[in-house]
Amino acid sequence: MAVCETCGNDYDIAFEVHAQGAVHTFDSFQCAIHAMAPICEHCAARIIGHGVQAGEHWYCCAHCARQEGTQGIVDRVMAGMSR
């Protein structure tokens, strides 16, 4: 059995996450998110989606990025605009 590095649970169906040259063992996605997800630099929420990057800074959404002074980031684009 493998021990979760977040909660310490010894679980027979734990899983490994290989990231940035390291191997991590978890017993649930909740523990993996707690250990590995970046934290929004404005509101401290765990970023479990794409998030927003402005330079070296990470935010959970455009609103938080704007609150920290980042300009030009929006949550949506106008309908009909091409990619």
C-alpha atoms as a PDB file:
ATOM      1  CA  MET A   1       0.000   0.000   0.000  1.00  0.00           C
ATOM      2  CA  ALA A   2       1.061   3.607  -0.482  1.00  0.00           C
ATOM      3  CA  VAL A   3       0.874   6.535   1.920  1.00  0.00           C
ATOM      4  CA  CYS A   4      -0.698   9.823   0.794  1.00  0.00           C
ATOM      5  CA  GLU A   5       1.821  12.634   1.166  1.00  0.00           C
ATOM      6  CA  THR A   6      -0.918  15.134   2.076  1.00  0.00           C
ATOM      7  CA  CYS A   7      -3.016  13.340   4.696  1.00  0.00           C
ATOM      8  CA  GLY A   8      -0.910  10.296   5.581  1.00  0.00           C
ATOM      9  CA  ASN A   9      -3.636   7.775   4.721  1.00  0.00           C
ATOM     10  CA  ASP A  10      -2.238   4.334   3.889  1.00  0.00           C
ATOM     11  CA  TYR A  11      -4.437   3.387   0.927  1.00  0.00           C
ATOM     12  CA  ASP A  12      -4.415   0.365  -1.345  1.00  0.00           C
ATOM     13  CA  ILE A  13      -5.465   2.310  -4.455  1.00  0.00           C
ATOM     14  CA  ALA A  14      -3.373   5.447  -4.032  1.00  0.00           C
ATOM     15  CA  PHE A  15      -2.015   6.970  -7.234  1.00  0.00           C
ATOM     16  CA  GLU A  16       1.147   8.737  -8.334  1.00  0.00           C
ATOM     17  CA  VAL A  17       1.505  12.103 -10.018  1.00  0.00           C
ATOM     18  CA  HIS A  18       4.741  12.678 -11.925  1.00  0.00           C
ATOM     19  CA  ALA A  19       5.469  16.406 -12.234  1.00  0.00           C
ATOM     20  CA  GLN A  20       8.596  18.492 -12.756  1.00  0.00           C
ATOM     21  CA  GLY A  21      10.895  15.539 -12.172  1.00  0.00           C
ATOM     22  CA  ALA A  22       9.276  14.474  -8.877  1.00  0.00           C
ATOM     23  CA  VAL A  23       6.849  11.687  -8.011  1.00  0.00           C
ATOM     24  CA  HIS A  24       3.994  12.413  -5.601  1.00  0.00           C
ATOM     25  CA  THR A  25       1.612   9.889  -4.023  1.00  0.00           C
ATOM     26  CA  PHE A  26      -1.979  10.746  -3.114  1.00  0.00           C
ATOM     27  CA  ASP A  27      -5.091   8.903  -2.006  1.00  0.00           C
ATOM     28  CA  SER A  28      -7.546  11.364  -3.612  1.00  0.00           C
ATOM     29  CA  PHE A  29      -7.756  14.213  -6.098  1.00  0.00           C
ATOM     30  CA  GLN A  30      -8.605  16.473  -3.161  1.00  0.00           C
ATOM     31  CA  CYS A  31      -5.222  15.770  -1.562  1.00  0.00           C
ATOM     32  CA  ALA A  32      -3.438  16.176  -4.905  1.00  0.00           C
ATOM     33  CA  ILE A  33      -5.086  19.564  -5.470  1.00  0.00           C
ATOM     34  CA  HIS A  34      -4.262  20.696  -1.950  1.00  0.00           C
ATOM     35  CA  ALA A  35      -0.604  19.811  -2.440  1.00  0.00           C
ATOM     36  CA  MET A  36      -0.028  20.792  -6.047  1.00  0.00           C
ATOM     37  CA  ALA A  37      -2.480  23.448  -7.277  1.00  0.00           C
ATOM     38  CA  PRO A  38      -1.114  26.982  -7.440  1.00  0.00           C
ATOM     39  CA  ILE A  39      -2.714  29.605  -5.204  1.00  0.00           C
ATOM     40  CA  CYS A  40      -4.274  32.809  -6.532  1.00  0.00           C
ATOM     41  CA  GLU A  41      -2.061  35.713  -5.524  1.00  0.00           C
ATOM     42  CA  HIS A  42      -5.099  37.900  -4.828  1.00  0.00           C
ATOM     43  CA  CYS A  43      -7.751  35.787  -3.077  1.00  0.00           C
ATOM     44  CA  ALA A  44      -5.704  32.688  -2.126  1.00  0.00           C
ATOM     45  CA  ALA A  45      -8.106  30.261  -3.876  1.00  0.00           C
ATOM     46  CA  ARG A  46      -6.583  27.074  -5.265  1.00  0.00           C
ATOM     47  CA  ILE A  47      -6.376  27.335  -9.051  1.00  0.00           C
ATOM     48  CA  ILE A  48      -7.746  24.059 -10.387  1.00  0.00           C
ATOM     49  CA  GLY A  49      -8.651  25.321 -13.864  1.00  0.00           C
ATOM     50  CA  HIS A  50      -6.567  27.250 -16.367  1.00  0.00           C
ATOM     51  CA  GLY A  51      -6.273  30.346 -14.206  1.00  0.00           C
ATOM     52  CA  VAL A  52      -4.755  33.576 -15.472  1.00  0.00           C
ATOM     53  CA  GLN A  53      -1.050  34.260 -15.745  1.00  0.00           C
ATOM     54  CA  ALA A  54       0.342  37.785 -15.847  1.00  0.00           C
ATOM     55  CA  GLY A  55       4.115  37.666 -16.106  1.00  0.00           C
ATOM     56  CA  GLU A  56       5.275  35.474 -13.222  1.00  0.00           C
ATOM     57  CA  HIS A  57       2.016  35.929 -11.287  1.00  0.00           C
ATOM     58  CA  TRP A  58      -0.948  33.522 -11.169  1.00  0.00           C
ATOM     59  CA  TYR A  59      -4.591  34.358 -10.466  1.00  0.00           C
ATOM     60  CA  CYS A  60      -7.777  32.299 -10.431  1.00  0.00           C
ATOM     61  CA  CYS A  61      -9.611  34.755 -12.723  1.00  0.00           C
ATOM     62  CA  ALA A  62      -9.327  38.040 -14.597  1.00  0.00           C
ATOM     63  CA  HIS A  63     -11.068  39.905 -11.766  1.00  0.00           C
ATOM     64  CA  CYS A  64      -8.350  38.955  -9.283  1.00  0.00           C
ATOM     65  CA  ALA A  65      -5.635  39.858 -11.791  1.00  0.00           C
ATOM     66  CA  ARG A  66      -7.206  43.306 -12.286  1.00  0.00           C
ATOM     67  CA  GLN A  67      -7.461  43.790  -8.524  1.00  0.00           C
ATOM     68  CA  GLU A  68      -3.685  43.355  -8.387  1.00  0.00           C
ATOM     69  CA  GLY A  69      -3.175  45.974 -11.113  1.00  0.00           C
ATOM     70  CA  THR A  70      -2.894  43.788 -14.204  1.00  0.00           C
ATOM     71  CA  GLN A  71      -4.460  45.420 -17.258  1.00  0.00           C
ATOM     72  CA  GLY A  72      -5.925  43.946 -20.421  1.00  0.00           C
ATOM     73  CA  ILE A  73      -7.109  40.626 -18.993  1.00  0.00           C
ATOM     74  CA  VAL A  74     -10.800  39.812 -19.447  1.00  0.00           C
ATOM     75  CA  ASP A  75     -12.925  36.804 -18.542  1.00  0.00           C
ATOM     76  CA  ARG A  76     -14.673  36.734 -21.934  1.00  0.00           C
ATOM     77  CA  VAL A  77     -14.139  37.963 -25.454  1.00  0.00           C
ATOM     78  CA  MET A  78     -16.917  39.456 -27.573  1.00  0.00           C
ATOM     79  CA  ALA A  79     -19.080  36.905 -29.405  1.00  0.00           C
ATOM     80  CA  GLY A  80     -18.084  36.389 -33.003  1.00  0.00           C
ATOM     81  CA  MET A  81     -14.388  37.098 -32.492  1.00  0.00           C
ATOM     82  CA  SER A  82     -12.113  34.487 -34.023  1.00  0.00           C
ATOM     83  CA  ARG A  83      -9.413  32.724 -32.104  1.00  0.00           C
END
